[in-house]
């Protein structure tokens, strides 16, 4: 008998055997031994549960740049713009004044002591002028709500104003600053004038002129302490 014939004979014999249904006890034992499978939630229910979280995450991503600009960038930009605008206004007032200088001298030892008693602080200026930037004199002005010592330098046919004033109570920019010597300065341009403003200890400084930015920086490096 071939292997196929033997398999067919075995199947026929098994079919002739009596068949009995499984007992209830056997079914219970089998059901208890079989691991329970938790019912799966339909995919659309799981997705529905994720929708609020996904919407919140999308809102955070969309609003984060706006919040950053409104809370940090814009106020800082407005603080800087206010200082720059005031510096330009003060420089323009000096240019159109019939007598811009109250003390005319190229000697810093005469100009700086002249401010004693005329302003409520001691102007600290470490540069008394040279051949490239000669000191021309000084005057008392105002920077926003406070008195300022104004020192005037020349550069060829250009006038450069240096305003020195008390820094307390003013809101200073903290972003987009440029390292100049030993200080962090805000560098900008407005109405055709280049401006540099910085704080050093308890004094504020504003340098304004229509000279090129690199020329103004060269003078600033003479004014500020080395890093």
N, C-alpha and C. Protein backbone atom coordinates (compact mmCIF):
# COMPACT_ATOMS: atom_id res chain seq x y z
N UNK A 1 0.87 -1.20 0.00
CA UNK A 1 0.00 0.00 0.00
C UNK A 1 0.90 1.24 0.00
N UNK A 2 0.55 2.16 -0.84
CA UNK A 2 1.36 3.37 -0.96
C UNK A 2 1.08 4.31 0.22
N UNK A 3 1.95 5.32 0.47
CA UNK A 3 1.70 6.29 1.56
C UNK A 3 0.40 7.03 1.38
N UNK A 4 0.02 7.40 0.18
CA UNK A 4 -1.25 8.10 -0.02
C UNK A 4 -2.43 7.23 0.36
N UNK A 5 -2.35 5.93 0.01
CA UNK A 5 -3.45 5.02 0.33
C UNK A 5 -3.57 4.84 1.83
N UNK A 6 -2.40 4.81 2.54
CA UNK A 6 -2.44 4.68 4.01
C UNK A 6 -3.08 5.90 4.65
N UNK A 7 -2.74 7.12 4.16
CA UNK A 7 -3.33 8.34 4.74
C UNK A 7 -4.85 8.37 4.52
N UNK A 8 -5.30 7.92 3.33
CA UNK A 8 -6.73 7.92 3.05
C UNK A 8 -7.44 6.94 3.96
N UNK A 9 -6.84 5.75 4.20
CA UNK A 9 -7.46 4.75 5.07
C UNK A 9 -7.54 5.25 6.49
N UNK A 10 -6.49 6.03 6.97
CA UNK A 10 -6.48 6.57 8.34
C UNK A 10 -7.57 7.62 8.50
N UNK A 11 -7.74 8.47 7.50
CA UNK A 11 -8.80 9.50 7.58
C UNK A 11 -10.18 8.85 7.64
N UNK A 12 -10.39 7.77 6.86
CA UNK A 12 -11.69 7.09 6.86
C UNK A 12 -11.97 6.45 8.20
N UNK A 13 -10.91 5.88 8.83
CA UNK A 13 -11.09 5.24 10.14
C UNK A 13 -11.43 6.27 11.20
N UNK A 14 -10.79 7.44 11.15
CA UNK A 14 -11.07 8.48 12.15
C UNK A 14 -12.48 9.02 12.01
N UNK A 15 -12.99 9.08 10.80
CA UNK A 15 -14.34 9.57 10.60
C UNK A 15 -15.37 8.59 11.16
N UNK A 16 -15.05 7.27 11.20
CA UNK A 16 -16.00 6.28 11.70
C UNK A 16 -16.05 6.23 13.22
N UNK A 17 -15.06 6.89 13.91
CA UNK A 17 -15.05 6.88 15.36
C UNK A 17 -16.21 7.71 15.90
N UNK A 18 -16.79 7.31 17.05
CA UNK A 18 -17.90 8.11 17.63
C UNK A 18 -17.39 9.47 18.11
N UNK A 19 -18.23 10.49 17.97
CA UNK A 19 -17.87 11.87 18.37
C UNK A 19 -18.78 12.30 19.50
N UNK A 20 -18.18 12.86 20.57
CA UNK A 20 -18.92 13.31 21.73
C UNK A 20 -18.64 14.80 21.94
N UNK A 21 -19.67 15.55 22.31
CA UNK A 21 -19.43 16.98 22.59
C UNK A 21 -18.63 17.16 23.86
N UNK A 22 -17.80 18.26 23.90
CA UNK A 22 -17.00 18.55 25.09
C UNK A 22 -17.91 18.91 26.24
N UNK A 23 -17.52 18.48 27.42
CA UNK A 23 -18.32 18.78 28.61
C UNK A 23 -18.20 20.25 28.98
N UNK A 24 -19.21 20.68 29.78
CA UNK A 24 -19.20 22.09 30.24
C UNK A 24 -17.97 22.36 31.08
N UNK A 25 -17.59 21.44 31.92
CA UNK A 25 -16.42 21.64 32.78
C UNK A 25 -15.15 21.80 31.96
N UNK A 26 -15.04 20.98 30.87
CA UNK A 26 -13.86 21.10 30.02
C UNK A 26 -13.83 22.45 29.33
N UNK A 27 -15.00 22.90 28.89
CA UNK A 27 -15.05 24.22 28.23
C UNK A 27 -14.63 25.33 29.18
N UNK A 28 -15.08 25.26 30.45
CA UNK A 28 -14.71 26.28 31.43
C UNK A 28 -13.22 26.28 31.70
N UNK A 29 -12.64 25.02 31.83
CA UNK A 29 -11.19 24.94 32.07
C UNK A 29 -10.41 25.54 30.90
N UNK A 30 -10.86 25.26 29.70
CA UNK A 30 -10.18 25.81 28.53
C UNK A 30 -10.31 27.33 28.46
N UNK A 31 -11.52 27.82 28.82
CA UNK A 31 -11.74 29.27 28.78
C UNK A 31 -10.88 29.98 29.84
N UNK A 32 -10.73 29.33 31.01
CA UNK A 32 -9.92 29.93 32.06
C UNK A 32 -8.44 29.91 31.74
N UNK A 33 -8.01 28.86 31.03
CA UNK A 33 -6.58 28.77 30.68
C UNK A 33 -6.21 29.68 29.53
N UNK A 34 -7.18 30.07 28.69
CA UNK A 34 -6.88 30.91 27.51
C UNK A 34 -6.73 32.37 27.93
N UNK A 35 -5.65 33.07 27.57
CA UNK A 35 -5.47 34.48 27.99
C UNK A 35 -6.56 35.38 27.41
N UNK A 36 -7.06 36.26 28.32
CA UNK A 36 -8.11 37.18 27.87
C UNK A 36 -7.52 38.29 27.01
N UNK A 37 -8.16 38.59 25.92
CA UNK A 37 -7.72 39.65 25.01
C UNK A 37 -8.64 40.85 25.16
N UNK A 38 -8.09 42.00 25.61
CA UNK A 38 -8.97 43.17 25.78
C UNK A 38 -9.52 43.63 24.44
N UNK A 39 -10.73 44.07 24.47
CA UNK A 39 -11.33 44.53 23.20
C UNK A 39 -10.61 45.77 22.69
N UNK A 40 -10.39 45.81 21.43
CA UNK A 40 -9.71 46.95 20.81
C UNK A 40 -10.70 48.06 20.52
N UNK A 41 -10.22 49.27 20.85
CA UNK A 41 -11.06 50.41 20.52
C UNK A 41 -10.94 50.71 19.03
N UNK A 42 -11.99 51.04 18.42
CA UNK A 42 -11.91 51.38 16.99
C UNK A 42 -10.94 52.55 16.78
N UNK A 43 -10.29 52.55 15.64
CA UNK A 43 -9.25 53.56 15.37
C UNK A 43 -9.81 54.97 15.39
N UNK A 44 -11.07 55.12 14.97
CA UNK A 44 -11.61 56.48 14.92
C UNK A 44 -11.85 57.03 16.32
N UNK A 45 -12.11 56.15 17.31
CA UNK A 45 -12.26 56.62 18.68
C UNK A 45 -10.91 57.07 19.24
N UNK A 46 -9.87 56.31 18.96
CA UNK A 46 -8.53 56.72 19.41
C UNK A 46 -8.13 58.04 18.78
N UNK A 47 -8.41 58.19 17.51
CA UNK A 47 -8.06 59.44 16.83
C UNK A 47 -8.84 60.61 17.41
N UNK A 48 -10.14 60.36 17.74
CA UNK A 48 -10.97 61.42 18.31
C UNK A 48 -10.39 61.88 19.65
N UNK A 49 -9.82 60.96 20.42
CA UNK A 49 -9.23 61.33 21.71
C UNK A 49 -7.96 62.16 21.53
N UNK A 50 -7.26 61.98 20.42
CA UNK A 50 -6.01 62.72 20.17
C UNK A 50 -6.25 64.10 19.59
N UNK A 51 -7.43 64.35 19.05
CA UNK A 51 -7.68 65.63 18.37
C UNK A 51 -7.44 66.84 19.27
N UNK A 52 -7.96 66.89 20.53
CA UNK A 52 -7.70 68.08 21.36
C UNK A 52 -6.22 68.32 21.61
N UNK A 53 -5.47 67.24 21.87
CA UNK A 53 -4.04 67.40 22.12
C UNK A 53 -3.32 67.91 20.88
N UNK A 54 -3.69 67.37 19.71
CA UNK A 54 -3.06 67.82 18.48
C UNK A 54 -3.41 69.27 18.19
N UNK A 55 -4.65 69.67 18.47
CA UNK A 55 -5.06 71.06 18.24
C UNK A 55 -4.30 72.00 19.16
N UNK A 56 -4.12 71.60 20.43
CA UNK A 56 -3.37 72.44 21.37
C UNK A 56 -1.92 72.58 20.95
N UNK A 57 -1.31 71.48 20.51
CA UNK A 57 0.08 71.55 20.06
C UNK A 57 0.23 72.45 18.85
N UNK A 58 -0.73 72.36 17.91
CA UNK A 58 -0.66 73.22 16.72
C UNK A 58 -0.82 74.69 17.10
N UNK A 59 -1.69 74.97 18.08
CA UNK A 59 -1.88 76.36 18.51
C UNK A 59 -0.63 76.91 19.17
N UNK A 60 0.04 76.09 19.98
CA UNK A 60 1.28 76.53 20.62
C UNK A 60 2.35 76.84 19.59
N UNK A 61 2.48 75.96 18.60
CA UNK A 61 3.49 76.18 17.55
C UNK A 61 3.19 77.44 16.76
N UNK A 62 1.90 77.69 16.48
CA UNK A 62 1.52 78.86 15.69
C UNK A 62 1.67 80.16 16.46
N UNK A 63 1.38 80.13 17.77
CA UNK A 63 1.39 81.36 18.57
C UNK A 63 2.73 81.67 19.20
N UNK A 64 3.63 80.70 19.27
CA UNK A 64 4.92 80.93 19.93
C UNK A 64 5.70 82.09 19.30
N UNK A 65 5.85 82.16 17.95
CA UNK A 65 6.57 83.30 17.39
C UNK A 65 5.90 84.64 17.69
N UNK A 66 4.56 84.67 17.69
CA UNK A 66 3.86 85.92 17.98
C UNK A 66 4.08 86.35 19.43
N UNK A 67 4.02 85.38 20.33
CA UNK A 67 4.25 85.70 21.74
C UNK A 67 5.68 86.17 21.97
N UNK A 68 6.63 85.51 21.33
CA UNK A 68 8.05 85.92 21.45
C UNK A 68 8.24 87.34 20.96
N UNK A 69 7.63 87.67 19.84
CA UNK A 69 7.78 89.02 19.29
C UNK A 69 7.11 90.05 20.19
N UNK A 70 5.93 89.73 20.68
CA UNK A 70 5.18 90.72 21.48
C UNK A 70 5.78 90.92 22.86
N UNK A 71 6.26 89.86 23.48
CA UNK A 71 6.73 89.95 24.85
C UNK A 71 8.19 90.34 24.96
N UNK A 72 9.01 90.00 23.98
CA UNK A 72 10.44 90.23 24.10
C UNK A 72 11.00 91.12 23.00
N UNK A 73 10.77 90.75 21.76
CA UNK A 73 11.44 91.44 20.65
C UNK A 73 10.89 92.86 20.48
N UNK A 74 9.57 92.99 20.42
CA UNK A 74 8.99 94.31 20.15
C UNK A 74 9.29 95.32 21.25
N UNK A 75 9.12 94.99 22.56
CA UNK A 75 9.48 95.97 23.60
C UNK A 75 10.95 96.38 23.54
N UNK A 76 11.83 95.42 23.26
CA UNK A 76 13.25 95.76 23.17
C UNK A 76 13.51 96.69 22.00
N UNK A 77 12.84 96.43 20.87
CA UNK A 77 13.00 97.28 19.69
C UNK A 77 12.47 98.69 19.96
N UNK A 78 11.38 98.79 20.70
CA UNK A 78 10.81 100.09 21.02
C UNK A 78 11.71 100.88 21.97
N UNK A 79 12.32 100.19 22.94
CA UNK A 79 13.26 100.87 23.84
C UNK A 79 14.43 101.45 23.06
N UNK A 80 14.99 100.66 22.15
CA UNK A 80 16.12 101.13 21.35
C UNK A 80 15.72 102.30 20.47
N UNK A 81 14.55 102.21 19.83
CA UNK A 81 14.10 103.27 18.93
C UNK A 81 13.91 104.58 19.68
N UNK A 82 13.43 104.50 20.90
CA UNK A 82 13.22 105.73 21.70
C UNK A 82 14.55 106.42 22.00
N UNK A 83 15.56 105.66 22.37
CA UNK A 83 16.86 106.25 22.66
C UNK A 83 17.49 106.84 21.39
N UNK A 84 17.38 106.12 20.29
CA UNK A 84 17.97 106.59 19.03
C UNK A 84 17.27 107.86 18.57
N UNK A 85 15.95 107.90 18.63
CA UNK A 85 15.21 109.08 18.19
C UNK A 85 15.58 110.30 19.03
N UNK A 86 15.71 110.12 20.33
CA UNK A 86 16.08 111.25 21.20
C UNK A 86 17.50 111.74 20.88
N UNK A 87 18.42 110.81 20.64
CA UNK A 87 19.79 111.21 20.32
C UNK A 87 19.83 112.02 19.02
N UNK A 88 19.08 111.59 18.01
CA UNK A 88 19.06 112.33 16.74
C UNK A 88 18.44 113.70 16.94
N UNK A 89 17.35 113.78 17.69
CA UNK A 89 16.72 115.09 17.95
C UNK A 89 17.69 116.05 18.63
N UNK A 90 18.42 115.55 19.62
CA UNK A 90 19.37 116.41 20.33
C UNK A 90 20.48 116.88 19.40
N UNK A 91 20.94 116.01 18.53
CA UNK A 91 22.00 116.37 17.59
C UNK A 91 21.49 117.42 16.60
N UNK A 92 20.28 117.25 16.11
CA UNK A 92 19.73 118.21 15.17
C UNK A 92 19.56 119.58 15.83
N UNK A 93 19.10 119.59 17.08
CA UNK A 93 18.95 120.86 17.79
C UNK A 93 20.28 121.58 17.91
N UNK A 94 21.34 120.82 18.14
CA UNK A 94 22.66 121.43 18.23
C UNK A 94 23.10 121.99 16.88
N UNK A 95 22.80 121.28 15.80
CA UNK A 95 23.24 121.72 14.48
C UNK A 95 22.54 123.01 14.05
N UNK A 96 21.28 123.17 14.42
CA UNK A 96 20.53 124.35 13.97
C UNK A 96 20.61 125.50 14.96
N UNK A 97 21.25 125.26 16.11
CA UNK A 97 21.37 126.33 17.10
C UNK A 97 22.35 127.40 16.62
N UNK A 98 22.04 128.63 16.92
CA UNK A 98 22.93 129.73 16.53
C UNK A 98 24.20 129.73 17.36
N UNK A 99 24.12 129.29 18.59
CA UNK A 99 25.29 129.18 19.45
C UNK A 99 25.31 127.78 20.06
N UNK A 100 25.74 126.79 19.30
CA UNK A 100 25.66 125.41 19.78
C UNK A 100 26.61 125.12 20.94
N UNK A 101 27.74 125.84 21.01
CA UNK A 101 28.74 125.56 22.03
C UNK A 101 28.72 126.66 23.09
N UNK A 102 28.57 126.24 24.35
CA UNK A 102 28.65 127.19 25.45
C UNK A 102 30.08 127.37 25.93
N UNK A 103 30.89 126.38 25.71
CA UNK A 103 32.32 126.50 25.99
C UNK A 103 33.05 126.01 24.75
N UNK A 104 33.90 126.87 24.19
CA UNK A 104 34.64 126.54 22.98
C UNK A 104 36.10 126.32 23.33
N UNK A 105 36.53 125.09 23.18
CA UNK A 105 37.91 124.76 23.50
C UNK A 105 38.22 123.37 22.98
N UNK A 106 39.43 123.17 22.56
CA UNK A 106 39.89 121.86 22.15
C UNK A 106 40.63 121.15 23.25
N UNK A 107 40.66 121.75 24.43
CA UNK A 107 41.36 121.17 25.58
C UNK A 107 40.34 120.53 26.51
N UNK A 108 40.39 119.23 26.64
CA UNK A 108 39.43 118.53 27.49
C UNK A 108 39.55 118.94 28.94
N UNK A 109 40.74 119.41 29.35
CA UNK A 109 40.92 119.84 30.73
C UNK A 109 40.22 121.16 31.01
N UNK A 110 39.78 121.83 29.97
CA UNK A 110 38.97 123.02 30.14
C UNK A 110 37.48 122.71 29.95
N UNK A 111 37.17 121.79 29.05
CA UNK A 111 35.78 121.49 28.73
C UNK A 111 35.13 120.68 29.84
N UNK A 112 35.77 119.63 30.29
CA UNK A 112 35.13 118.76 31.29
C UNK A 112 34.91 119.48 32.64
N UNK A 113 35.88 120.22 33.16
CA UNK A 113 35.58 120.94 34.41
C UNK A 113 34.48 121.98 34.26
N UNK A 114 34.23 122.45 33.06
CA UNK A 114 33.19 123.46 32.86
C UNK A 114 31.80 122.94 33.24
N UNK A 115 31.60 121.62 33.15
CA UNK A 115 30.28 121.05 33.45
C UNK A 115 30.00 120.99 34.95
N UNK A 116 31.01 121.18 35.79
CA UNK A 116 30.81 121.10 37.24
C UNK A 116 29.77 122.13 37.67
N UNK A 117 28.74 121.68 38.36
CA UNK A 117 27.68 122.56 38.81
C UNK A 117 26.61 122.82 37.77
N UNK A 118 26.86 122.47 36.53
CA UNK A 118 25.88 122.69 35.47
C UNK A 118 25.05 121.44 35.18
N UNK A 119 25.59 120.28 35.50
CA UNK A 119 24.85 119.02 35.41
C UNK A 119 24.97 118.31 36.76
N UNK A 120 24.05 117.43 37.06
CA UNK A 120 24.01 116.79 38.37
C UNK A 120 24.77 115.47 38.42
N UNK A 121 25.83 115.38 37.64
CA UNK A 121 26.70 114.20 37.65
C UNK A 121 28.04 114.63 37.08
N UNK A 122 29.03 113.78 37.22
CA UNK A 122 30.36 114.06 36.68
C UNK A 122 30.53 113.30 35.37
N UNK A 123 30.57 113.99 34.23
CA UNK A 123 30.75 113.29 32.94
C UNK A 123 32.09 112.57 32.90
N UNK A 124 32.04 111.31 32.56
CA UNK A 124 33.26 110.52 32.43
C UNK A 124 33.53 110.32 30.96
N UNK A 125 34.54 111.01 30.44
CA UNK A 125 34.90 110.93 29.02
C UNK A 125 36.40 110.75 28.96
N UNK A 126 36.83 109.61 28.45
CA UNK A 126 38.26 109.30 28.46
C UNK A 126 39.00 109.71 27.22
N UNK A 127 38.39 110.50 26.36
CA UNK A 127 39.05 110.90 25.12
C UNK A 127 38.91 112.41 24.96
N UNK A 128 40.05 113.08 24.85
CA UNK A 128 40.05 114.54 24.74
C UNK A 128 40.25 115.07 23.35
N UNK A 129 40.13 114.18 22.34
CA UNK A 129 40.29 114.63 20.96
C UNK A 129 41.69 114.36 20.43
N UNK A 130 41.79 114.28 19.10
CA UNK A 130 43.09 114.13 18.44
C UNK A 130 42.98 114.76 17.05
N UNK A 131 43.96 114.50 16.20
CA UNK A 131 43.97 115.14 14.89
C UNK A 131 42.80 114.67 14.02
N UNK A 132 42.39 113.42 14.18
CA UNK A 132 41.28 112.90 13.37
C UNK A 132 39.93 113.34 13.92
N UNK A 133 39.82 113.40 15.23
CA UNK A 133 38.57 113.79 15.88
C UNK A 133 38.86 114.90 16.89
N UNK A 134 39.07 116.13 16.44
CA UNK A 134 39.37 117.22 17.38
C UNK A 134 38.16 117.60 18.22
N UNK A 135 38.41 117.85 19.50
CA UNK A 135 37.36 118.33 20.38
C UNK A 135 37.12 119.81 20.09
N UNK A 136 35.86 120.18 19.95
CA UNK A 136 35.52 121.57 19.62
C UNK A 136 34.94 122.33 20.80
N UNK A 137 34.34 121.64 21.74
CA UNK A 137 33.76 122.32 22.89
C UNK A 137 32.62 121.52 23.47
N UNK A 138 31.79 122.19 24.27
CA UNK A 138 30.68 121.49 24.93
C UNK A 138 29.53 122.42 25.25
N UNK A 139 28.45 121.81 25.70
CA UNK A 139 27.25 122.56 26.08
C UNK A 139 26.40 121.67 26.96
N UNK A 140 25.45 122.28 27.65
CA UNK A 140 24.49 121.54 28.45
C UNK A 140 23.23 121.34 27.62
N UNK A 141 22.78 120.10 27.53
CA UNK A 141 21.56 119.80 26.81
C UNK A 141 20.66 118.92 27.65
N UNK A 142 19.70 118.31 27.00
CA UNK A 142 18.78 117.41 27.67
C UNK A 142 18.67 116.12 26.86
N UNK A 143 18.58 115.02 27.60
CA UNK A 143 18.30 113.73 26.97
C UNK A 143 17.06 113.18 27.65
N UNK A 144 15.96 113.22 26.92
CA UNK A 144 14.66 112.85 27.47
C UNK A 144 14.33 113.76 28.67
N UNK A 145 14.28 113.19 29.86
CA UNK A 145 13.84 113.96 31.02
C UNK A 145 14.98 114.42 31.91
N UNK A 146 16.22 114.40 31.43
CA UNK A 146 17.36 114.69 32.29
C UNK A 146 18.40 115.51 31.56
N UNK A 147 19.20 116.20 32.34
CA UNK A 147 20.26 116.99 31.74
C UNK A 147 21.33 116.10 31.15
N UNK A 148 21.99 116.62 30.13
CA UNK A 148 23.06 115.88 29.48
C UNK A 148 24.25 116.80 29.23
N UNK A 149 25.42 116.26 29.38
CA UNK A 149 26.63 116.96 28.97
C UNK A 149 26.89 116.63 27.51
N UNK A 150 26.96 117.66 26.68
CA UNK A 150 27.15 117.47 25.24
C UNK A 150 28.56 117.90 24.88
N UNK A 151 29.35 116.95 24.40
CA UNK A 151 30.69 117.25 23.90
C UNK A 151 30.66 117.12 22.39
N UNK A 152 31.27 118.06 21.70
CA UNK A 152 31.21 118.10 20.24
C UNK A 152 32.61 117.86 19.69
N UNK A 153 32.69 116.89 18.80
CA UNK A 153 33.93 116.58 18.09
C UNK A 153 33.74 116.90 16.61
N UNK A 154 34.83 117.08 15.92
CA UNK A 154 34.78 117.29 14.49
C UNK A 154 35.45 116.16 13.74
N UNK A 155 35.09 116.00 12.49
CA UNK A 155 35.77 115.05 11.60
C UNK A 155 35.63 115.61 10.19
N UNK A 156 36.72 116.20 9.71
CA UNK A 156 36.68 116.92 8.45
C UNK A 156 35.59 118.00 8.52
N UNK A 157 34.56 117.93 7.70
CA UNK A 157 33.51 118.95 7.75
C UNK A 157 32.29 118.49 8.54
N UNK A 158 32.40 117.38 9.24
CA UNK A 158 31.27 116.80 9.96
C UNK A 158 31.32 117.15 11.44
N UNK A 159 30.15 117.23 12.03
CA UNK A 159 30.01 117.46 13.47
C UNK A 159 29.53 116.17 14.12
N UNK A 160 30.14 115.81 15.23
CA UNK A 160 29.78 114.60 15.96
C UNK A 160 29.41 115.00 17.38
N UNK A 161 28.23 114.62 17.81
CA UNK A 161 27.76 114.91 19.16
C UNK A 161 27.92 113.69 20.05
N UNK A 162 28.47 113.92 21.23
CA UNK A 162 28.51 112.91 22.27
C UNK A 162 27.68 113.41 23.44
N UNK A 163 26.61 112.71 23.75
CA UNK A 163 25.75 113.07 24.87
C UNK A 163 26.02 112.11 26.02
N UNK A 164 26.27 112.68 27.18
CA UNK A 164 26.51 111.89 28.39
C UNK A 164 25.43 112.26 29.39
N UNK A 165 24.78 111.26 29.98
CA UNK A 165 23.64 111.51 30.86
C UNK A 165 23.51 110.37 31.86
N UNK A 166 22.73 110.60 32.89
CA UNK A 166 22.48 109.54 33.87
C UNK A 166 21.68 108.42 33.22
N UNK A 167 22.09 107.19 33.47
CA UNK A 167 21.44 106.03 32.83
C UNK A 167 20.32 105.46 33.67
N UNK A 168 20.25 105.81 34.94
CA UNK A 168 19.23 105.21 35.80
C UNK A 168 17.83 105.64 35.37
N UNK A 169 16.91 104.70 35.47
CA UNK A 169 15.52 104.99 35.14
C UNK A 169 15.18 104.85 33.67
N UNK A 170 16.18 104.65 32.82
CA UNK A 170 15.94 104.48 31.39
C UNK A 170 15.89 102.99 31.06
N UNK A 171 15.07 102.63 30.07
CA UNK A 171 14.95 101.24 29.63
C UNK A 171 15.89 101.04 28.45
N UNK A 172 16.88 100.19 28.65
CA UNK A 172 17.93 99.98 27.66
C UNK A 172 17.68 98.70 26.87
N UNK A 173 18.01 98.70 25.59
CA UNK A 173 17.85 97.47 24.79
C UNK A 173 18.81 96.40 25.25
N UNK A 174 18.38 95.16 25.13
CA UNK A 174 19.20 94.02 25.55
C UNK A 174 19.50 93.06 24.40
N UNK A 175 18.90 93.30 23.25
CA UNK A 175 19.08 92.40 22.12
C UNK A 175 19.75 93.14 20.96
N UNK A 176 20.36 92.37 20.06
CA UNK A 176 20.98 92.92 18.86
C UNK A 176 22.00 94.00 19.20
N UNK A 177 22.85 93.72 20.17
CA UNK A 177 23.90 94.66 20.56
C UNK A 177 25.20 94.32 19.85
N UNK A 178 26.04 95.34 19.70
CA UNK A 178 27.34 95.19 19.02
C UNK A 178 28.45 95.47 20.02
N UNK A 179 29.42 94.60 20.05
CA UNK A 179 30.56 94.79 20.95
C UNK A 179 31.46 95.89 20.41
N UNK A 180 31.66 96.91 21.22
CA UNK A 180 32.55 98.02 20.87
C UNK A 180 33.50 98.21 22.05
N UNK A 181 34.75 97.83 21.86
CA UNK A 181 35.68 97.92 22.98
C UNK A 181 35.21 97.07 24.13
N UNK A 182 35.00 97.71 25.28
CA UNK A 182 34.57 96.98 26.46
C UNK A 182 33.10 97.11 26.78
N UNK A 183 32.27 97.59 25.84
CA UNK A 183 30.85 97.76 26.10
C UNK A 183 30.02 97.11 24.99
N UNK A 184 28.74 96.88 25.30
CA UNK A 184 27.78 96.40 24.31
C UNK A 184 26.92 97.59 23.89
N UNK A 185 26.99 97.97 22.63
CA UNK A 185 26.30 99.16 22.13
C UNK A 185 25.19 98.78 21.16
N UNK A 186 24.17 99.61 21.15
CA UNK A 186 23.12 99.47 20.14
C UNK A 186 23.47 100.41 18.99
N UNK A 187 23.58 99.87 17.81
CA UNK A 187 23.99 100.63 16.63
C UNK A 187 22.80 100.72 15.68
N UNK A 188 22.49 101.95 15.23
CA UNK A 188 21.32 102.13 14.38
C UNK A 188 21.52 103.38 13.53
N UNK A 189 20.55 103.62 12.66
CA UNK A 189 20.55 104.82 11.81
C UNK A 189 19.13 105.34 11.75
N UNK A 190 18.99 106.67 11.76
CA UNK A 190 17.67 107.29 11.69
C UNK A 190 17.80 108.67 11.08
N UNK A 191 16.94 108.96 10.15
CA UNK A 191 16.86 110.27 9.50
C UNK A 191 18.20 110.71 8.91
N UNK A 192 18.96 109.75 8.41
CA UNK A 192 20.23 110.06 7.77
C UNK A 192 21.40 110.17 8.71
N UNK A 193 21.20 109.90 9.99
CA UNK A 193 22.28 109.98 10.99
C UNK A 193 22.57 108.58 11.53
N UNK A 194 23.83 108.33 11.78
CA UNK A 194 24.24 107.09 12.42
C UNK A 194 24.35 107.32 13.92
N UNK A 195 23.91 106.33 14.68
CA UNK A 195 23.80 106.49 16.13
C UNK A 195 24.37 105.25 16.82
N UNK A 196 25.05 105.51 17.93
CA UNK A 196 25.49 104.44 18.82
C UNK A 196 25.11 104.85 20.23
N UNK A 197 24.42 103.99 20.95
CA UNK A 197 24.07 104.26 22.34
C UNK A 197 24.55 103.09 23.20
N UNK A 198 25.05 103.41 24.37
CA UNK A 198 25.51 102.36 25.28
C UNK A 198 25.46 102.87 26.71
N UNK A 199 25.56 101.93 27.61
CA UNK A 199 25.58 102.24 29.05
C UNK A 199 26.90 101.77 29.63
N UNK A 200 27.47 102.63 30.46
CA UNK A 200 28.72 102.30 31.12
C UNK A 200 28.59 102.73 32.58
N UNK A 201 28.51 101.73 33.47
CA UNK A 201 28.26 101.98 34.89
C UNK A 201 26.94 102.72 35.04
N UNK A 202 26.94 103.88 35.71
CA UNK A 202 25.68 104.60 35.93
C UNK A 202 25.45 105.72 34.93
N UNK A 203 26.23 105.75 33.85
CA UNK A 203 26.07 106.79 32.83
C UNK A 203 25.68 106.18 31.49
N UNK A 204 24.90 106.94 30.73
CA UNK A 204 24.54 106.55 29.38
C UNK A 204 25.25 107.45 28.38
N UNK A 205 25.50 106.91 27.20
CA UNK A 205 26.23 107.64 26.16
C UNK A 205 25.49 107.48 24.84
N UNK A 206 25.45 108.57 24.08
CA UNK A 206 24.87 108.53 22.73
C UNK A 206 25.80 109.30 21.80
N UNK A 207 26.23 108.64 20.75
CA UNK A 207 27.14 109.22 19.77
C UNK A 207 26.39 109.34 18.45
N UNK A 208 26.33 110.55 17.90
CA UNK A 208 25.48 110.80 16.73
C UNK A 208 26.23 111.65 15.71
N UNK A 209 26.10 111.31 14.44
CA UNK A 209 26.68 112.11 13.37
C UNK A 209 26.22 111.57 12.02
N UNK A 210 26.50 112.35 10.98
CA UNK A 210 26.22 111.88 9.63
C UNK A 210 27.45 111.27 8.98
N UNK A 211 28.50 111.02 9.76
CA UNK A 211 29.68 110.35 9.22
C UNK A 211 29.34 108.89 8.95
N UNK A 212 30.22 108.20 8.24
CA UNK A 212 30.01 106.80 7.94
C UNK A 212 30.06 105.96 9.23
N UNK A 213 29.36 104.82 9.25
CA UNK A 213 29.33 104.01 10.47
C UNK A 213 30.71 103.61 10.97
N UNK A 214 31.64 103.29 10.04
CA UNK A 214 32.97 102.88 10.50
C UNK A 214 33.74 104.03 11.12
N UNK A 215 33.46 105.26 10.68
CA UNK A 215 34.10 106.43 11.28
C UNK A 215 33.57 106.66 12.69
N UNK A 216 32.25 106.52 12.84
CA UNK A 216 31.65 106.69 14.17
C UNK A 216 32.17 105.61 15.12
N UNK A 217 32.35 104.42 14.62
CA UNK A 217 32.87 103.34 15.45
C UNK A 217 34.30 103.63 15.87
N UNK A 218 35.09 104.21 14.97
CA UNK A 218 36.48 104.54 15.31
C UNK A 218 36.53 105.53 16.48
N UNK A 219 35.62 106.51 16.48
CA UNK A 219 35.57 107.45 17.60
C UNK A 219 35.07 106.75 18.86
N UNK A 220 34.09 105.88 18.72
CA UNK A 220 33.57 105.16 19.89
C UNK A 220 34.66 104.34 20.55
N UNK A 221 35.53 103.74 19.75
CA UNK A 221 36.62 102.94 20.31
C UNK A 221 37.61 103.79 21.09
N UNK A 222 37.68 105.07 20.77
CA UNK A 222 38.53 105.97 21.54
C UNK A 222 37.86 106.39 22.86
N UNK A 223 36.52 106.36 22.85
CA UNK A 223 35.76 106.85 24.01
C UNK A 223 35.56 105.77 25.08
N UNK A 224 35.35 104.53 24.66
CA UNK A 224 35.02 103.47 25.61
C UNK A 224 36.30 102.79 26.08
N UNK A 225 36.27 102.19 27.27
CA UNK A 225 37.45 101.48 27.74
C UNK A 225 37.69 100.22 26.94
N UNK A 226 38.90 99.78 26.91
CA UNK A 226 39.23 98.54 26.19
C UNK A 226 38.61 97.36 26.91
N UNK A 227 38.33 96.30 26.15
CA UNK A 227 37.72 95.10 26.75
C UNK A 227 38.74 94.35 27.58
